[in-house]
Amino acid sequence: MAINLTVILKSKPESVDTLKSLLLDLVQKSTKEAACLQYDLHQSMEESTIFIFHEVWENEAGLKIHNEQSYLISFFEKVKPLLQEAPIVYRTDKLA
């Protein structure tokens, strides 16, 4: 069963460009994973400090493999000082 995630990251105002660059790199790496069905990155038009991922993973096993990737672990260490708060992660069921 597919796993749908929405992840919200809020950058410090002075770190928007740096975070955006790291997020775009993350997209390139994540979309190469076999279990990745969708990995879309959005930036709020009203608040440029807010970035939103919409991810779809083939199954729980694929998401687990993704979460264990060294590049993802490294990414979260690098972005900690760039964020205003911890990322918010929502697991959702697609209704329509």
PDB file of N, CA and C in Angstrom:
ATOM      1  N   MET A   1       0.838  -1.179   0.000  1.00  0.00           N
ATOM      2  CA  MET A   1       0.000   0.000   0.000  1.00  0.00           C
ATOM      3  C   MET A   1       0.884   1.245   0.000  1.00  0.00           C
ATOM      4  N   ALA A   2       0.551   2.205  -0.850  1.00  0.00           N
ATOM      5  CA  ALA A   2       1.336   3.439  -0.974  1.00  0.00           C
ATOM      6  C   ALA A   2       1.287   4.255   0.316  1.00  0.00           C
ATOM      7  N   ILE A   3       2.400   4.901   0.595  1.00  0.00           N
ATOM      8  CA  ILE A   3       2.537   5.783   1.760  1.00  0.00           C
ATOM      9  C   ILE A   3       2.606   7.211   1.248  1.00  0.00           C
ATOM     10  N   ASN A   4       1.685   8.062   1.712  1.00  0.00           N
ATOM     11  CA  ASN A   4       1.646   9.476   1.333  1.00  0.00           C
ATOM     12  C   ASN A   4       2.149  10.313   2.499  1.00  0.00           C
ATOM     13  N   LEU A   5       3.090  11.191   2.211  1.00  0.00           N
ATOM     14  CA  LEU A   5       3.624  12.086   3.234  1.00  0.00           C
ATOM     15  C   LEU A   5       3.542  13.525   2.766  1.00  0.00           C
ATOM     16  N   THR A   6       3.272  14.403   3.707  1.00  0.00           N
ATOM     17  CA  THR A   6       3.427  15.834   3.505  1.00  0.00           C
ATOM     18  C   THR A   6       4.397  16.299   4.582  1.00  0.00           C
ATOM     19  N   VAL A   7       5.473  16.943   4.156  1.00  0.00           N
ATOM     20  CA  VAL A   7       6.500  17.397   5.094  1.00  0.00           C
ATOM     21  C   VAL A   7       6.637  18.911   4.937  1.00  0.00           C
ATOM     22  N   ILE A   8       6.563  19.615   6.062  1.00  0.00           N
ATOM     23  CA  ILE A   8       6.647  21.075   6.055  1.00  0.00           C
ATOM     24  C   ILE A   8       7.904  21.498   6.802  1.00  0.00           C
ATOM     25  N   LEU A   9       8.715  22.317   6.125  1.00  0.00           N
ATOM     26  CA  LEU A   9       9.939  22.840   6.721  1.00  0.00           C
ATOM     27  C   LEU A   9       9.876  24.357   6.697  1.00  0.00           C
ATOM     28  N   LYS A  10      10.264  24.972   7.798  1.00  0.00           N
ATOM     29  CA  LYS A  10      10.245  26.430   7.881  1.00  0.00           C
ATOM     30  C   LYS A  10      11.669  26.938   8.122  1.00  0.00           C
ATOM     31  N   SER A  11      12.189  27.619   7.122  1.00  0.00           N
ATOM     32  CA  SER A  11      13.545  28.145   7.157  1.00  0.00           C
ATOM     33  C   SER A  11      13.646  29.412   7.999  1.00  0.00           C
ATOM     34  N   LYS A  12      14.816  29.631   8.552  1.00  0.00           N
ATOM     35  CA  LYS A  12      15.106  30.948   9.112  1.00  0.00           C
ATOM     36  C   LYS A  12      15.187  31.900   7.915  1.00  0.00           C
ATOM     37  N   PRO A  13      14.739  33.140   8.063  1.00  0.00           N
ATOM     38  CA  PRO A  13      14.713  34.068   6.915  1.00  0.00           C
ATOM     39  C   PRO A  13      16.059  34.206   6.206  1.00  0.00           C
ATOM     40  N   GLU A  14      17.135  34.205   6.943  1.00  0.00           N
ATOM     41  CA  GLU A  14      18.453  34.392   6.343  1.00  0.00           C
ATOM     42  C   GLU A  14      18.998  33.112   5.682  1.00  0.00           C
ATOM     43  N   SER A  15      18.273  32.015   5.830  1.00  0.00           N
ATOM     44  CA  SER A  15      18.751  30.725   5.323  1.00  0.00           C
ATOM     45  C   SER A  15      17.926  30.168   4.170  1.00  0.00           C
ATOM     46  N   VAL A  16      17.000  30.940   3.645  1.00  0.00           N
ATOM     47  CA  VAL A  16      16.086  30.447   2.611  1.00  0.00           C
ATOM     48  C   VAL A  16      16.834  29.899   1.399  1.00  0.00           C
ATOM     49  N   ASP A  17      17.769  30.642   0.866  1.00  0.00           N
ATOM     50  CA  ASP A  17      18.464  30.207  -0.348  1.00  0.00           C
ATOM     51  C   ASP A  17      19.310  28.960  -0.105  1.00  0.00           C
ATOM     52  N   THR A  18      19.979  28.907   1.031  1.00  0.00           N
ATOM     53  CA  THR A  18      20.801  27.735   1.367  1.00  0.00           C
ATOM     54  C   THR A  18      19.923  26.502   1.524  1.00  0.00           C
ATOM     55  N   LEU A  19      18.825  26.650   2.267  1.00  0.00           N
ATOM     56  CA  LEU A  19      17.918  25.520   2.464  1.00  0.00           C
ATOM     57  C   LEU A  19      17.321  25.065   1.137  1.00  0.00           C
ATOM     58  N   LYS A  20      16.913  26.007   0.318  1.00  0.00           N
ATOM     59  CA  LYS A  20      16.329  25.669  -0.980  1.00  0.00           C
ATOM     60  C   LYS A  20      17.297  24.840  -1.811  1.00  0.00           C
ATOM     61  N   SER A  21      18.554  25.212  -1.830  1.00  0.00           N
ATOM     62  CA  SER A  21      19.564  24.469  -2.572  1.00  0.00           C
ATOM     63  C   SER A  21      19.700  23.041  -2.040  1.00  0.00           C
ATOM     64  N   LEU A  22      19.727  22.888  -0.726  1.00  0.00           N
ATOM     65  CA  LEU A  22      19.829  21.558  -0.120  1.00  0.00           C
ATOM     66  C   LEU A  22      18.581  20.724  -0.410  1.00  0.00           C
ATOM     67  N   LEU A  23      17.419  21.354  -0.414  1.00  0.00           N
ATOM     68  CA  LEU A  23      16.172  20.643  -0.705  1.00  0.00           C
ATOM     69  C   LEU A  23      16.135  20.168  -2.152  1.00  0.00           C
ATOM     70  N   LEU A  24      16.575  21.002  -3.074  1.00  0.00           N
ATOM     71  CA  LEU A  24      16.600  20.605  -4.489  1.00  0.00           C
ATOM     72  C   LEU A  24      17.554  19.431  -4.713  1.00  0.00           C
ATOM     73  N   ASP A  25      18.667  19.424  -4.001  1.00  0.00           N
ATOM     74  CA  ASP A  25      19.596  18.301  -4.074  1.00  0.00           C
ATOM     75  C   ASP A  25      18.948  17.033  -3.518  1.00  0.00           C
ATOM     76  N   LEU A  26      18.196  17.191  -2.447  1.00  0.00           N
ATOM     77  CA  LEU A  26      17.480  16.058  -1.846  1.00  0.00           C
ATOM     78  C   LEU A  26      16.469  15.475  -2.825  1.00  0.00           C
ATOM     79  N   VAL A  27      15.791  16.312  -3.572  1.00  0.00           N
ATOM     80  CA  VAL A  27      14.829  15.846  -4.573  1.00  0.00           C
ATOM     81  C   VAL A  27      15.543  14.986  -5.616  1.00  0.00           C
ATOM     82  N   GLN A  28      16.668  15.465  -6.112  1.00  0.00           N
ATOM     83  CA  GLN A  28      17.413  14.718  -7.132  1.00  0.00           C
ATOM     84  C   GLN A  28      17.788  13.331  -6.641  1.00  0.00           C
ATOM     85  N   LYS A  29      18.250  13.227  -5.409  1.00  0.00           N
ATOM     86  CA  LYS A  29      18.681  11.941  -4.863  1.00  0.00           C
ATOM     87  C   LYS A  29      17.491  11.036  -4.544  1.00  0.00           C
ATOM     88  N   SER A  30      16.467  11.595  -3.949  1.00  0.00           N
ATOM     89  CA  SER A  30      15.310  10.784  -3.525  1.00  0.00           C
ATOM     90  C   SER A  30      14.542  10.208  -4.697  1.00  0.00           C
ATOM     91  N   THR A  31      14.413  10.969  -5.777  1.00  0.00           N
ATOM     92  CA  THR A  31      13.633  10.491  -6.917  1.00  0.00           C
ATOM     93  C   THR A  31      14.323   9.345  -7.649  1.00  0.00           C
ATOM     94  N   LYS A  32      15.571   9.091  -7.342  1.00  0.00           N
ATOM     95  CA  LYS A  32      16.289   7.961  -7.946  1.00  0.00           C
ATOM     96  C   LYS A  32      16.017   6.643  -7.215  1.00  0.00           C
ATOM     97  N   GLU A  33      15.403   6.719  -6.052  1.00  0.00           N
ATOM     98  CA  GLU A  33      15.121   5.505  -5.285  1.00  0.00           C
ATOM     99  C   GLU A  33      13.980   4.729  -5.944  1.00  0.00           C
ATOM    100  N   ALA A  34      14.112   3.420  -5.961  1.00  0.00           N
ATOM    101  CA  ALA A  34      13.137   2.550  -6.635  1.00  0.00           C
ATOM    102  C   ALA A  34      11.727   2.693  -6.074  1.00  0.00           C
ATOM    103  N   ALA A  35      11.591   2.891  -4.783  1.00  0.00           N
ATOM    104  CA  ALA A  35      10.269   2.950  -4.150  1.00  0.00           C
ATOM    105  C   ALA A  35       9.628   4.334  -4.214  1.00  0.00           C
ATOM    106  N   CYS A  36      10.341   5.321  -4.744  1.00  0.00           N
ATOM    107  CA  CYS A  36       9.810   6.682  -4.812  1.00  0.00           C
ATOM    108  C   CYS A  36       8.859   6.818  -5.998  1.00  0.00           C
ATOM    109  N   LEU A  37       7.592   7.042  -5.718  1.00  0.00           N
ATOM    110  CA  LEU A  37       6.591   7.226  -6.766  1.00  0.00           C
ATOM    111  C   LEU A  37       6.377   8.705  -7.080  1.00  0.00           C
ATOM    112  N   GLN A  38       6.577   9.559  -6.082  1.00  0.00           N
ATOM    113  CA  GLN A  38       6.387  11.005  -6.260  1.00  0.00           C
ATOM    114  C   GLN A  38       7.164  11.716  -5.162  1.00  0.00           C
ATOM    115  N   TYR A  39       7.809  12.814  -5.523  1.00  0.00           N
ATOM    116  CA  TYR A  39       8.601  13.571  -4.550  1.00  0.00           C
ATOM    117  C   TYR A  39       8.606  15.022  -5.011  1.00  0.00           C
ATOM    118  N   ASP A  40       7.553  15.736  -4.703  1.00  0.00           N
ATOM    119  CA  ASP A  40       7.374  17.108  -5.172  1.00  0.00           C
ATOM    120  C   ASP A  40       7.741  18.103  -4.079  1.00  0.00           C
ATOM    121  N   LEU A  41       8.484  19.118  -4.457  1.00  0.00           N
ATOM    122  CA  LEU A  41       8.873  20.186  -3.543  1.00  0.00           C
ATOM    123  C   LEU A  41       8.157  21.465  -3.950  1.00  0.00           C
ATOM    124  N   HIS A  42       7.558  22.129  -2.963  1.00  0.00           N
ATOM    125  CA  HIS A  42       6.856  23.399  -3.185  1.00  0.00           C
ATOM    126  C   HIS A  42       7.414  24.447  -2.222  1.00  0.00           C
ATOM    127  N   GLN A  43       7.324  25.713  -2.630  1.00  0.00           N
ATOM    128  CA  GLN A  43       7.675  26.835  -1.767  1.00  0.00           C
ATOM    129  C   GLN A  43       6.461  27.750  -1.695  1.00  0.00           C
ATOM    130  N   SER A  44       6.109  28.154  -0.493  1.00  0.00           N
ATOM    131  CA  SER A  44       4.944  29.014  -0.303  1.00  0.00           C
ATOM    132  C   SER A  44       5.125  30.339  -1.045  1.00  0.00           C
ATOM    133  N   MET A  45       4.079  30.768  -1.723  1.00  0.00           N
ATOM    134  CA  MET A  45       4.112  32.057  -2.418  1.00  0.00           C
ATOM    135  C   MET A  45       3.918  33.212  -1.432  1.00  0.00           C
ATOM    136  N   GLU A  46       3.252  32.939  -0.322  1.00  0.00           N
ATOM    137  CA  GLU A  46       2.993  33.979   0.672  1.00  0.00           C
ATOM    138  C   GLU A  46       4.138  34.117   1.675  1.00  0.00           C
ATOM    139  N   GLU A  47       4.724  32.993   2.047  1.00  0.00           N
ATOM    140  CA  GLU A  47       5.819  32.988   3.023  1.00  0.00           C
ATOM    141  C   GLU A  47       6.977  32.188   2.431  1.00  0.00           C
ATOM    142  N   SER A  48       7.959  32.870   1.891  1.00  0.00           N
ATOM    143  CA  SER A  48       9.054  32.198   1.178  1.00  0.00           C
ATOM    144  C   SER A  48       9.894  31.306   2.082  1.00  0.00           C
ATOM    145  N   THR A  49       9.722  31.405   3.380  1.00  0.00           N
ATOM    146  CA  THR A  49      10.479  30.566   4.313  1.00  0.00           C
ATOM    147  C   THR A  49       9.865  29.164   4.458  1.00  0.00           C
ATOM    148  N   ILE A  50       8.691  28.947   3.888  1.00  0.00           N
ATOM    149  CA  ILE A  50       8.002  27.663   4.053  1.00  0.00           C
ATOM    150  C   ILE A  50       8.149  26.814   2.794  1.00  0.00           C
ATOM    151  N   PHE A  51       8.652  25.588   3.016  1.00  0.00           N
ATOM    152  CA  PHE A  51       8.801  24.601   1.955  1.00  0.00           C
ATOM    153  C   PHE A  51       7.948  23.388   2.303  1.00  0.00           C
ATOM    154  N   ILE A  52       7.323  22.813   1.283  1.00  0.00           N
ATOM    155  CA  ILE A  52       6.427  21.679   1.505  1.00  0.00           C
ATOM    156  C   ILE A  52       6.773  20.569   0.516  1.00  0.00           C
ATOM    157  N   PHE A  53       6.961  19.379   1.045  1.00  0.00           N
ATOM    158  CA  PHE A  53       7.149  18.192   0.223  1.00  0.00           C
ATOM    159  C   PHE A  53       5.849  17.409   0.182  1.00  0.00           C
ATOM    160  N   HIS A  54       5.521  16.895  -0.988  1.00  0.00           N
ATOM    161  CA  HIS A  54       4.463  15.881  -1.102  1.00  0.00           C
ATOM    162  C   HIS A  54       5.167  14.652  -1.651  1.00  0.00           C
ATOM    163  N   GLU A  55       5.181  13.602  -0.838  1.00  0.00           N
ATOM    164  CA  GLU A  55       5.897  12.386  -1.201  1.00  0.00           C
ATOM    165  C   GLU A  55       4.924  11.212  -1.281  1.00  0.00           C
ATOM    166  N   VAL A  56       5.173  10.329  -2.228  1.00  0.00           N
ATOM    167  CA  VAL A  56       4.435   9.073  -2.294  1.00  0.00           C
ATOM    168  C   VAL A  56       5.476   7.972  -2.442  1.00  0.00           C
ATOM    169  N   TRP A  57       5.411   7.026  -1.521  1.00  0.00           N
ATOM    170  CA  TRP A  57       6.324   5.889  -1.502  1.00  0.00           C
ATOM    171  C   TRP A  57       5.539   4.620  -1.782  1.00  0.00           C
ATOM    172  N   GLU A  58       6.162   3.706  -2.486  1.00  0.00           N
ATOM    173  CA  GLU A  58       5.501   2.475  -2.911  1.00  0.00           C
ATOM    174  C   GLU A  58       4.917   1.691  -1.742  1.00  0.00           C
ATOM    175  N   ASN A  59       5.663   1.638  -0.647  1.00  0.00           N
ATOM    176  CA  ASN A  59       5.204   0.884   0.517  1.00  0.00           C
ATOM    177  C   ASN A  59       6.047   1.265   1.734  1.00  0.00           C
ATOM    178  N   GLU A  60       5.704   0.676   2.860  1.00  0.00           N
ATOM    179  CA  GLU A  60       6.404   0.964   4.116  1.00  0.00           C
ATOM    180  C   GLU A  60       7.881   0.572   4.030  1.00  0.00           C
ATOM    181  N   ALA A  61       8.170  -0.546   3.393  1.00  0.00           N
ATOM    182  CA  ALA A  61       9.558  -0.997   3.266  1.00  0.00           C
ATOM    183  C   ALA A  61      10.390   0.010   2.466  1.00  0.00           C
ATOM    184  N   GLY A  62       9.820   0.546   1.392  1.00  0.00           N
ATOM    185  CA  GLY A  62      10.523   1.543   0.590  1.00  0.00           C
ATOM    186  C   GLY A  62      10.780   2.821   1.355  1.00  0.00           C
ATOM    187  N   LEU A  63       9.809   3.249   2.154  1.00  0.00           N
ATOM    188  CA  LEU A  63       9.989   4.450   2.979  1.00  0.00           C
ATOM    189  C   LEU A  63      11.064   4.207   4.030  1.00  0.00           C
ATOM    190  N   LYS A  64      11.084   3.016   4.606  1.00  0.00           N
ATOM    191  CA  LYS A  64      12.101   2.680   5.604  1.00  0.00           C
ATOM    192  C   LYS A  64      13.494   2.762   4.983  1.00  0.00           C
ATOM    193  N   ILE A  65      13.655   2.211   3.793  1.00  0.00           N
ATOM    194  CA  ILE A  65      14.943   2.275   3.098  1.00  0.00           C
ATOM    195  C   ILE A  65      15.345   3.731   2.849  1.00  0.00           C
ATOM    196  N   HIS A  66      14.380   4.545   2.424  1.00  0.00           N
ATOM    197  CA  HIS A  66      14.642   5.974   2.198  1.00  0.00           C
ATOM    198  C   HIS A  66      15.137   6.645   3.481  1.00  0.00           C
ATOM    199  N   ASN A  67      14.440   6.396   4.574  1.00  0.00           N
ATOM    200  CA  ASN A  67      14.791   7.043   5.839  1.00  0.00           C
ATOM    201  C   ASN A  67      16.152   6.606   6.374  1.00  0.00           C
ATOM    202  N   GLU A  68      16.681   5.489   5.872  1.00  0.00           N
ATOM    203  CA  GLU A  68      17.980   4.991   6.314  1.00  0.00           C
ATOM    204  C   GLU A  68      19.132   5.411   5.390  1.00  0.00           C
ATOM    205  N   GLN A  69      18.829   6.122   4.319  1.00  0.00           N
ATOM    206  CA  GLN A  69      19.866   6.549   3.373  1.00  0.00           C
ATOM    207  C   GLN A  69      20.819   7.537   4.050  1.00  0.00           C
ATOM    208  N   SER A  70      22.113   7.345   3.823  1.00  0.00           N
ATOM    209  CA  SER A  70      23.110   8.223   4.445  1.00  0.00           C
ATOM    210  C   SER A  70      22.930   9.676   4.004  1.00  0.00           C
ATOM    211  N   TYR A  71      22.526   9.899   2.749  1.00  0.00           N
ATOM    212  CA  TYR A  71      22.342  11.279   2.284  1.00  0.00           C
ATOM    213  C   TYR A  71      21.187  11.971   3.007  1.00  0.00           C
ATOM    214  N   LEU A  72      20.155  11.211   3.391  1.00  0.00           N
ATOM    215  CA  LEU A  72      19.026  11.804   4.097  1.00  0.00           C
ATOM    216  C   LEU A  72      19.401  12.112   5.544  1.00  0.00           C
ATOM    217  N   ILE A  73      20.108  11.204   6.173  1.00  0.00           N
ATOM    218  CA  ILE A  73      20.567  11.429   7.545  1.00  0.00           C
ATOM    219  C   ILE A  73      21.484  12.650   7.578  1.00  0.00           C
ATOM    220  N   SER A  74      22.398  12.744   6.620  1.00  0.00           N
ATOM    221  CA  SER A  74      23.303  13.890   6.530  1.00  0.00           C
ATOM    222  C   SER A  74      22.533  15.185   6.279  1.00  0.00           C
ATOM    223  N   PHE A  75      21.519  15.121   5.419  1.00  0.00           N
ATOM    224  CA  PHE A  75      20.699  16.292   5.118  1.00  0.00           C
ATOM    225  C   PHE A  75      20.092  16.865   6.398  1.00  0.00           C
ATOM    226  N   PHE A  76      19.490  16.005   7.218  1.00  0.00           N
ATOM    227  CA  PHE A  76      18.828  16.502   8.429  1.00  0.00           C
ATOM    228  C   PHE A  76      19.819  17.102   9.424  1.00  0.00           C
ATOM    229  N   GLU A  77      21.043  16.604   9.448  1.00  0.00           N
ATOM    230  CA  GLU A  77      22.063  17.215  10.302  1.00  0.00           C
ATOM    231  C   GLU A  77      22.445  18.600   9.784  1.00  0.00           C
ATOM    232  N   LYS A  78      22.592  18.728   8.469  1.00  0.00           N
ATOM    233  CA  LYS A  78      22.984  20.003   7.863  1.00  0.00           C
ATOM    234  C   LYS A  78      21.918  21.080   8.032  1.00  0.00           C
ATOM    235  N   VAL A  79      20.634  20.694   7.957  1.00  0.00           N
ATOM    236  CA  VAL A  79      19.582  21.711   7.960  1.00  0.00           C
ATOM    237  C   VAL A  79      19.130  22.143   9.347  1.00  0.00           C
ATOM    238  N   LYS A  80      19.489  21.415  10.379  1.00  0.00           N
ATOM    239  CA  LYS A  80      19.055  21.793  11.730  1.00  0.00           C
ATOM    240  C   LYS A  80      19.284  23.273  12.035  1.00  0.00           C
ATOM    241  N   PRO A  81      20.488  23.805  11.786  1.00  0.00           N
ATOM    242  CA  PRO A  81      20.696  25.222  12.116  1.00  0.00           C
ATOM    243  C   PRO A  81      19.998  26.192  11.151  1.00  0.00           C
ATOM    244  N   LEU A  82      19.461  25.692  10.048  1.00  0.00           N
ATOM    245  CA  LEU A  82      18.804  26.548   9.065  1.00  0.00           C
ATOM    246  C   LEU A  82      17.308  26.692   9.307  1.00  0.00           C
ATOM    247  N   LEU A  83      16.765  25.834  10.185  1.00  0.00           N
ATOM    248  CA  LEU A  83      15.314  25.790  10.384  1.00  0.00           C
ATOM    249  C   LEU A  83      14.876  26.563  11.618  1.00  0.00           C
ATOM    250  N   GLN A  84      13.674  27.158  11.518  1.00  0.00           N
ATOM    251  CA  GLN A  84      13.085  27.853  12.665  1.00  0.00           C
ATOM    252  C   GLN A  84      12.523  26.871  13.677  1.00  0.00           C
ATOM    253  N   GLU A  85      12.102  25.707  13.200  1.00  0.00           N
ATOM    254  CA  GLU A  85      11.475  24.699  14.064  1.00  0.00           C
ATOM    255  C   GLU A  85      11.674  23.330  13.422  1.00  0.00           C
ATOM    256  N   ALA A  86      11.365  22.299  14.166  1.00  0.00           N
ATOM    257  CA  ALA A  86      11.501  20.936  13.643  1.00  0.00           C
ATOM    258  C   ALA A  86      10.524  20.734  12.478  1.00  0.00           C
ATOM    259  N   PRO A  87      10.908  19.931  11.485  1.00  0.00           N
ATOM    260  CA  PRO A  87       9.998  19.645  10.374  1.00  0.00           C
ATOM    261  C   PRO A  87       8.710  18.992  10.889  1.00  0.00           C
ATOM    262  N   ILE A  88       7.620  19.281  10.207  1.00  0.00           N
ATOM    263  CA  ILE A  88       6.325  18.677  10.527  1.00  0.00           C
ATOM    264  C   ILE A  88       6.040  17.631   9.461  1.00  0.00           C
ATOM    265  N   VAL A  89       5.726  16.416   9.874  1.00  0.00           N
ATOM    266  CA  VAL A  89       5.472  15.323   8.948  1.00  0.00           C
ATOM    267  C   VAL A  89       4.053  14.801   9.158  1.00  0.00           C
ATOM    268  N   TYR A  90       3.278  14.761   8.070  1.00  0.00           N
ATOM    269  CA  TYR A  90       1.936  14.208   8.096  1.00  0.00           C
ATOM    270  C   TYR A  90       1.897  12.971   7.208  1.00  0.00           C
ATOM    271  N   ARG A  91       1.423  11.862   7.741  1.00  0.00           N
ATOM    272  CA  ARG A  91       1.123  10.672   6.932  1.00  0.00           C
ATOM    273  C   ARG A  91      -0.362  10.742   6.633  1.00  0.00           C
ATOM    274  N   THR A  92      -0.714  10.638   5.367  1.00  0.00           N
ATOM    275  CA  THR A  92      -2.119  10.825   4.992  1.00  0.00           C
ATOM    276  C   THR A  92      -2.629   9.678   4.121  1.00  0.00           C
ATOM    277  N   ASP A  93      -3.945   9.565   4.085  1.00  0.00           N
ATOM    278  CA  ASP A  93      -4.628   8.672   3.145  1.00  0.00           C
ATOM    279  C   ASP A  93      -5.193   9.529   2.030  1.00  0.00           C
ATOM    280  N   LYS A  94      -4.938   9.154   0.809  1.00  0.00           N
ATOM    281  CA  LYS A  94      -5.495   9.884  -0.329  1.00  0.00           C
ATOM    282  C   LYS A  94      -6.980   9.550  -0.427  1.00  0.00           C
ATOM    283  N   LEU A  95      -7.809  10.570  -0.411  1.00  0.00           N
ATOM    284  CA  LEU A  95      -9.258  10.384  -0.451  1.00  0.00           C
ATOM    285  C   LEU A  95      -9.827  10.514  -1.855  1.00  0.00           C
ATOM    286  N   ALA A  96      -9.212  11.329  -2.677  1.00  0.00           N
ATOM    287  CA  ALA A  96      -9.740  11.529  -4.049  1.00  0.00           C
ATOM    288  C   ALA A  96      -8.614  11.851  -4.993  1.00  0.00           C
TER     289      ALA A  96
END
